N, C-alpha and C. Protein backbone atom coordinates (compact mmCIF):
# COMPACT_ATOMS: atom_id res chain seq x y z
N MET A 1 15.37 61.95 121.20
CA MET A 1 16.51 62.79 121.52
C MET A 1 16.67 63.88 120.47
N LYS A 2 16.88 65.08 120.94
CA LYS A 2 17.01 66.21 120.03
C LYS A 2 18.48 66.41 119.64
N VAL A 3 18.72 66.61 118.35
CA VAL A 3 20.07 66.86 117.88
C VAL A 3 20.38 68.34 118.08
N LYS A 4 21.51 68.59 118.74
CA LYS A 4 21.87 69.98 119.00
C LYS A 4 22.50 70.58 117.74
N LYS A 5 21.99 71.73 117.35
CA LYS A 5 22.53 72.40 116.17
C LYS A 5 23.87 73.03 116.52
N ILE A 6 24.82 72.94 115.61
CA ILE A 6 26.11 73.57 115.80
C ILE A 6 26.02 74.95 115.16
N PRO A 7 26.21 76.01 115.96
CA PRO A 7 26.10 77.35 115.38
C PRO A 7 27.17 77.59 114.31
N GLN A 8 26.72 78.09 113.18
CA GLN A 8 27.61 78.37 112.06
C GLN A 8 27.84 79.87 111.93
N ARG A 9 29.06 80.27 111.60
CA ARG A 9 29.36 81.67 111.38
C ARG A 9 30.23 81.79 110.13
N LYS A 10 30.18 82.96 109.51
CA LYS A 10 30.93 83.19 108.27
C LYS A 10 32.23 83.91 108.59
N CYS A 11 33.34 83.40 108.07
CA CYS A 11 34.64 84.04 108.24
C CYS A 11 34.68 85.29 107.36
N VAL A 12 35.10 86.43 107.93
CA VAL A 12 35.16 87.66 107.14
C VAL A 12 36.34 87.62 106.16
N GLY A 13 37.27 86.70 106.35
CA GLY A 13 38.41 86.58 105.45
C GLY A 13 38.06 85.79 104.20
N CYS A 14 37.73 84.49 104.38
CA CYS A 14 37.49 83.62 103.23
C CYS A 14 36.03 83.54 102.83
N GLY A 15 35.12 83.97 103.72
CA GLY A 15 33.70 83.95 103.40
C GLY A 15 33.05 82.59 103.56
N GLU A 16 33.79 81.61 104.11
CA GLU A 16 33.23 80.28 104.30
C GLU A 16 32.46 80.18 105.61
N MET A 17 31.42 79.38 105.59
CA MET A 17 30.66 79.11 106.81
C MET A 17 31.37 77.99 107.56
N LYS A 18 31.65 78.24 108.82
CA LYS A 18 32.30 77.23 109.65
C LYS A 18 31.63 77.21 111.01
N SER A 19 31.92 76.17 111.80
CA SER A 19 31.32 76.15 113.13
C SER A 19 31.96 77.24 113.96
N LYS A 20 31.16 77.83 114.82
CA LYS A 20 31.56 78.97 115.65
C LYS A 20 32.84 78.68 116.44
N LYS A 21 32.99 77.43 116.90
CA LYS A 21 34.15 77.06 117.71
C LYS A 21 35.47 77.13 116.94
N GLU A 22 35.41 76.97 115.62
CA GLU A 22 36.62 76.97 114.79
C GLU A 22 37.16 78.38 114.56
N LEU A 23 36.31 79.38 114.77
CA LEU A 23 36.67 80.76 114.40
C LEU A 23 37.03 81.60 115.62
N ILE A 24 37.77 82.68 115.38
CA ILE A 24 38.08 83.64 116.44
C ILE A 24 37.09 84.79 116.30
N ARG A 25 36.48 85.19 117.41
CA ARG A 25 35.49 86.27 117.39
C ARG A 25 36.17 87.58 117.76
N VAL A 26 35.90 88.60 116.96
CA VAL A 26 36.33 89.96 117.26
C VAL A 26 35.05 90.71 117.59
N VAL A 27 35.05 91.44 118.70
CA VAL A 27 33.80 92.06 119.15
C VAL A 27 33.95 93.57 119.34
N ARG A 28 32.89 94.30 118.97
CA ARG A 28 32.82 95.74 119.28
C ARG A 28 31.84 95.86 120.43
N SER A 29 32.37 96.29 121.57
CA SER A 29 31.53 96.39 122.76
C SER A 29 30.55 97.55 122.61
N PRO A 30 29.51 97.58 123.46
CA PRO A 30 28.56 98.71 123.40
C PRO A 30 29.24 100.07 123.59
N GLU A 31 30.41 100.06 124.26
CA GLU A 31 31.15 101.32 124.46
C GLU A 31 31.99 101.67 123.22
N GLY A 32 32.10 100.74 122.29
CA GLY A 32 32.85 101.01 121.06
C GLY A 32 34.26 100.47 121.06
N ASP A 33 34.65 99.73 122.11
CA ASP A 33 36.00 99.14 122.15
C ASP A 33 36.01 97.87 121.31
N ILE A 34 37.11 97.67 120.59
CA ILE A 34 37.22 96.46 119.78
C ILE A 34 38.27 95.56 120.40
N SER A 35 37.90 94.30 120.62
CA SER A 35 38.83 93.35 121.24
C SER A 35 38.53 91.94 120.74
N LEU A 36 39.45 91.03 121.04
CA LEU A 36 39.21 89.63 120.71
C LEU A 36 38.34 89.03 121.80
N ASP A 37 37.42 88.21 121.39
CA ASP A 37 36.53 87.55 122.34
C ASP A 37 36.75 86.05 122.22
N LEU A 38 37.65 85.54 123.07
CA LEU A 38 37.99 84.13 122.97
C LEU A 38 36.96 83.23 123.62
N THR A 39 36.10 83.80 124.47
CA THR A 39 35.06 83.01 125.13
C THR A 39 33.80 82.96 124.27
N GLY A 40 33.61 83.95 123.40
CA GLY A 40 32.39 84.01 122.59
C GLY A 40 31.20 84.52 123.39
N LYS A 41 31.47 85.08 124.57
CA LYS A 41 30.37 85.48 125.46
C LYS A 41 30.25 86.99 125.65
N LYS A 42 31.21 87.75 125.16
CA LYS A 42 31.18 89.20 125.39
C LYS A 42 29.99 89.84 124.68
N ALA A 43 29.47 90.89 125.30
CA ALA A 43 28.35 91.61 124.70
C ALA A 43 28.87 92.51 123.59
N GLY A 44 28.08 92.66 122.56
CA GLY A 44 28.46 93.56 121.47
C GLY A 44 28.35 92.90 120.12
N ARG A 45 28.69 93.65 119.09
CA ARG A 45 28.62 93.15 117.73
C ARG A 45 29.88 92.35 117.42
N GLY A 46 29.70 91.16 116.89
CA GLY A 46 30.84 90.30 116.63
C GLY A 46 31.07 90.03 115.16
N ALA A 47 32.33 89.78 114.84
CA ALA A 47 32.71 89.33 113.51
C ALA A 47 33.65 88.16 113.72
N TYR A 48 33.64 87.22 112.81
CA TYR A 48 34.43 86.01 112.98
C TYR A 48 35.46 85.88 111.88
N VAL A 49 36.64 85.33 112.25
CA VAL A 49 37.70 85.10 111.28
C VAL A 49 38.38 83.78 111.60
N CYS A 50 38.79 83.06 110.57
CA CYS A 50 39.51 81.79 110.76
C CYS A 50 40.85 82.08 111.43
N PRO A 51 41.34 81.15 112.27
CA PRO A 51 42.68 81.33 112.84
C PRO A 51 43.72 80.95 111.79
N ASP A 52 43.69 81.67 110.68
CA ASP A 52 44.51 81.36 109.53
C ASP A 52 45.11 82.66 108.99
N LYS A 53 46.42 82.66 108.77
CA LYS A 53 47.11 83.89 108.37
C LYS A 53 46.51 84.48 107.09
N GLU A 54 46.16 83.61 106.15
CA GLU A 54 45.60 84.07 104.88
C GLU A 54 44.27 84.80 105.08
N CYS A 55 43.41 84.23 105.92
CA CYS A 55 42.11 84.85 106.18
C CYS A 55 42.26 86.18 106.90
N ILE A 56 43.15 86.22 107.89
CA ILE A 56 43.38 87.45 108.65
C ILE A 56 43.93 88.53 107.73
N THR A 57 44.86 88.15 106.86
CA THR A 57 45.45 89.10 105.91
C THR A 57 44.39 89.63 104.94
N LYS A 58 43.54 88.73 104.42
CA LYS A 58 42.46 89.15 103.50
C LYS A 58 41.52 90.13 104.19
N ALA A 59 41.14 89.78 105.42
CA ALA A 59 40.23 90.64 106.19
C ALA A 59 40.87 92.01 106.42
N TYR A 60 42.17 92.02 106.66
CA TYR A 60 42.90 93.27 106.91
C TYR A 60 42.95 94.13 105.65
N LYS A 61 43.37 93.52 104.55
CA LYS A 61 43.54 94.27 103.29
C LYS A 61 42.23 94.84 102.76
N ALA A 62 41.15 94.08 102.91
CA ALA A 62 39.86 94.52 102.38
C ALA A 62 39.03 95.27 103.43
N HIS A 63 39.60 95.51 104.59
CA HIS A 63 38.90 96.21 105.69
C HIS A 63 37.58 95.54 106.04
N ARG A 64 37.58 94.21 106.01
CA ARG A 64 36.33 93.48 106.25
C ARG A 64 35.88 93.53 107.69
N LEU A 65 36.82 93.57 108.64
CA LEU A 65 36.42 93.68 110.05
C LEU A 65 35.76 95.03 110.29
N GLU A 66 36.32 96.07 109.68
CA GLU A 66 35.74 97.41 109.82
C GLU A 66 34.30 97.42 109.32
N LYS A 67 34.08 96.79 108.16
CA LYS A 67 32.73 96.76 107.59
C LYS A 67 31.78 95.97 108.49
N ALA A 68 32.25 94.84 108.99
CA ALA A 68 31.40 93.98 109.82
C ALA A 68 31.08 94.64 111.17
N LEU A 69 32.05 95.32 111.73
CA LEU A 69 31.87 95.92 113.06
C LEU A 69 31.42 97.38 112.99
N GLU A 70 31.39 97.93 111.76
CA GLU A 70 30.97 99.32 111.54
C GLU A 70 31.79 100.31 112.36
N LYS A 71 33.09 100.03 112.47
CA LYS A 71 33.97 100.92 113.23
C LYS A 71 35.41 100.69 112.77
N GLN A 72 36.24 101.71 112.89
CA GLN A 72 37.65 101.59 112.54
C GLN A 72 38.33 100.56 113.45
N VAL A 73 39.07 99.64 112.87
CA VAL A 73 39.78 98.62 113.64
C VAL A 73 41.27 98.94 113.54
N ASN A 74 41.92 99.14 114.69
CA ASN A 74 43.35 99.48 114.60
C ASN A 74 44.22 98.23 114.43
N ASP A 75 45.46 98.46 114.03
CA ASP A 75 46.37 97.36 113.70
C ASP A 75 46.65 96.43 114.87
N ASP A 76 46.50 96.93 116.10
CA ASP A 76 46.75 96.09 117.28
C ASP A 76 45.82 94.88 117.29
N VAL A 77 44.59 95.08 116.86
CA VAL A 77 43.61 93.98 116.84
C VAL A 77 44.09 92.89 115.88
N TYR A 78 44.60 93.30 114.72
CA TYR A 78 45.11 92.32 113.75
C TYR A 78 46.35 91.62 114.29
N LYS A 79 47.22 92.37 114.99
CA LYS A 79 48.42 91.77 115.59
C LYS A 79 48.01 90.71 116.61
N LYS A 80 46.99 91.04 117.43
CA LYS A 80 46.51 90.08 118.43
C LYS A 80 45.94 88.84 117.76
N LEU A 81 45.24 89.04 116.64
CA LEU A 81 44.68 87.90 115.91
C LEU A 81 45.79 86.97 115.43
N LEU A 82 46.85 87.56 114.89
CA LEU A 82 47.97 86.76 114.39
C LEU A 82 48.67 86.04 115.55
N GLU A 83 48.79 86.72 116.69
CA GLU A 83 49.39 86.08 117.87
C GLU A 83 48.53 84.92 118.35
N GLU A 84 47.23 85.13 118.36
CA GLU A 84 46.29 84.11 118.82
C GLU A 84 46.37 82.88 117.92
N MET A 85 46.57 83.13 116.64
CA MET A 85 46.67 82.06 115.67
C MET A 85 47.87 81.15 115.99
N LYS A 86 48.98 81.74 116.46
CA LYS A 86 50.18 80.96 116.78
C LYS A 86 49.96 80.05 117.98
N HIS A 87 49.00 80.40 118.85
CA HIS A 87 48.74 79.59 120.03
C HIS A 87 47.86 78.38 119.73
N GLU A 88 47.23 78.39 118.57
CA GLU A 88 46.30 77.31 118.21
C GLU A 88 47.01 75.95 118.19
């Protein structure tokens, strides 16, 4: 029996490697739109962040999502991340 590997991703806030399922994916679509990808299936460049206020704040202050996605991220995306965190 083959052991299935759990995909690991790095949080742009704290820099820790965690399983993909634990993190929220933010994606830049091929058209350049930035949105939350709760399914993990959207096409485009993705960045991951913990559903944790501290990580989201760190990522915001240091512009880490912008660096990871190579595009300006507006405040609405961060607001949505914080809202998503409350639903966890």
